[in-house]
Amino acid sequence: MTAGEEDAGAGNRSTTLDHFPDLVTWPERAKAAKFEFATADDASAPPVPVAPPMEPQGPPPETELWTSLFRGDTPVEPYVFEDARQRDFRTYSARGVGRATRTVYAEAAKASPEALPAAEEAMRPLRAAAATGVEGVESIAAATGDTAPQDGSMAAAMNEMMEFHQVRKTVGVAGTDTSPPPPALPEVDFHQMLTSLGDHPALLRRLGLVLDFVLPADRLPASSGERFLSVTPHWTPARRKDSYDVSPRTRYVLLPDRRAFVPGARSLTAADPLASPARGVVALPESKFSVEQADIDGAALKMMQTSSAGTGLFPVRTQGLSLVRDGRLGSLDEEFVKAAEHDGAFTAVVAREHPVDPAAPGPAAPEAPPRPAAPELVAQDLVRGHRMDIWDEERQRWFSLHEREVEYRRPDGGPLLLTASDEGFFQANLAAPPSDAPDSRLYVPEQIVTWEGWSLSAPRRPGPGHRQRFGRGPHTSQQAGGGRQQGGDRAAAGDHRQGAARHAAEAALRPPVPGAAAHRRSGGQRPGRDRGRRAHGREGPGTPR
């Protein structure tokens, strides 16, 4: 990590990239730099180099490609850490909504197997649940093999779902249009461009944003997760007094007898140093995760809008396969805490390195405090995204939903820059209203990803590919690869696999973990049509922070 300070007086206004000359021609800086890897067995112990400073492996980054993307007038917004713990959240139980919807439909089918039921009668289990909190739950649990909840009510889950999907509008004078004007297209800044490029590892290497190294295995101490690995750049920044290098420390596991070199997980133990997600394969327990084939939200919203004077219920439609994380908001608490800790550690290192002018007026500078510890990273911190594969029972093989062929071209039909055959990934995100909206809460959906029978990394379109623009730089045309498997109506959720999170320094070092693909977990099958294929997920590559 490199931290740079803007000129005093800039305030919170955006500046441009030419105020950071090191980043205007970053590939030249990266080619001239050397990097030193060091290890330590304690957070407070000084790191010990494992080899002399070295240069990256592979072709050098391309300055021409960089300057075609990032010019001196590229906007740069100042970074301000936002502590998500200070925000209000809106979420709902996807499992509870699914249970409530199934309850209504199953009870209606039992009570009126031949004729359309009266809507008032069909909605009786839900209204009874609103009064008692549990009525009707045991019957649907028996019908589906599910487990009846011990607390909460179906009605509460439905109300939270309705609130989650409600569009909040400003109340105005009757007859006036209070709809806000369409938002203006924001100007993409340097950091947003980097974020977009993070989905394309081939391009990151050509730009010098991902560097590969080969370390001498005999010089790297074995570790079961108790040791740290750090990398320090040796270079001369253009803005020496306003530039600070912060080298995070990453816990690592090196087991030569098992040919494993991976980042250590937060939950590792002496008995299991390759705890998930370090090994790249993880079981998603049924108590926390589930796979849904029906469009439960659509069915629930229509059901809640059913007129009591009507007959029948709306048909339930499929939306493919959705991976659902039950109680996702609670699982994010630890991530929010860690994000705040990392920001605090980063800020402390920069503050410690900030030079103090001895001639400046005011009291003398106090004695320098002890050197603060750099941010400590584990495998979970290096994961950028996840991948999902589908198992075809007839062909007896996995099919990736993220394989793609990518063409990178200059804007407006320009010449071809490069092609890549790789895999994309998906990310589980939060949602927030526009900054000028009256609602400032963060929305936490429990449906993490949905597969509708097409690639999850190349958008469907009539033509041969899809153009996507990143700032002023090259266009990309993405075409679905091996994930183009139809027949989602026969797909069933069974296995979820996560691929290895790679640290940039480990990509060229770590040999494949034998048998990694075999660490899969069957999640069972639902009765009926979901027998043909199974889904599993893999973690996508990490990128340096």
Foldseek 3Di string as FASTA:
>chain_A
DKFFDADPPCPQPKDWCLSFVCQQQVLVQLQPKWKWKFKDLDLPDDTDTLDPTHHFDDDGADRVQSNLFGHRRFIDGDDDDDQQVPFFEAEFFPVLLLLLLLLLVVVQCVVPVDDWAQLLVSCVQQVVCVVVVFRSNVVSCVVFVHDGDPDGHSNVRLVSLCVLPDDDFDDDDPPDDRDDDDDDDDRDHPVNLVVVCVQPVVNCRNRVQFTEDAGDPVSDDADLQSMWMWMDMDGCGPCNQRMDDFIATFGWHDDPVQLFTWTFAPPADPVRSCPPPRLFWDFDDPVFKDKDFWPSSVQSVQSVVDDSRGTHGDDIHGQFIWIFTGPVVVVCPVVSVLVVVLVVQQVQQVVLSNDDDQPDDDDGDDDRDPHGRHHYHGQVVQFDFKWKWKAFQVVRDIFTLFWKKKWWAAPPPHDTDDIDTDGGGFHFDWDADPPPDPDGHIYHYRGRDGDRQHRPHFDDDPDQFDWDDRNRHITMTIHTDRSNGGDSQQAWAFWATAGHADESHCPVPRDRRPPSVVPIGTPDGGPDRHDGMHMYMYTDYGGDD
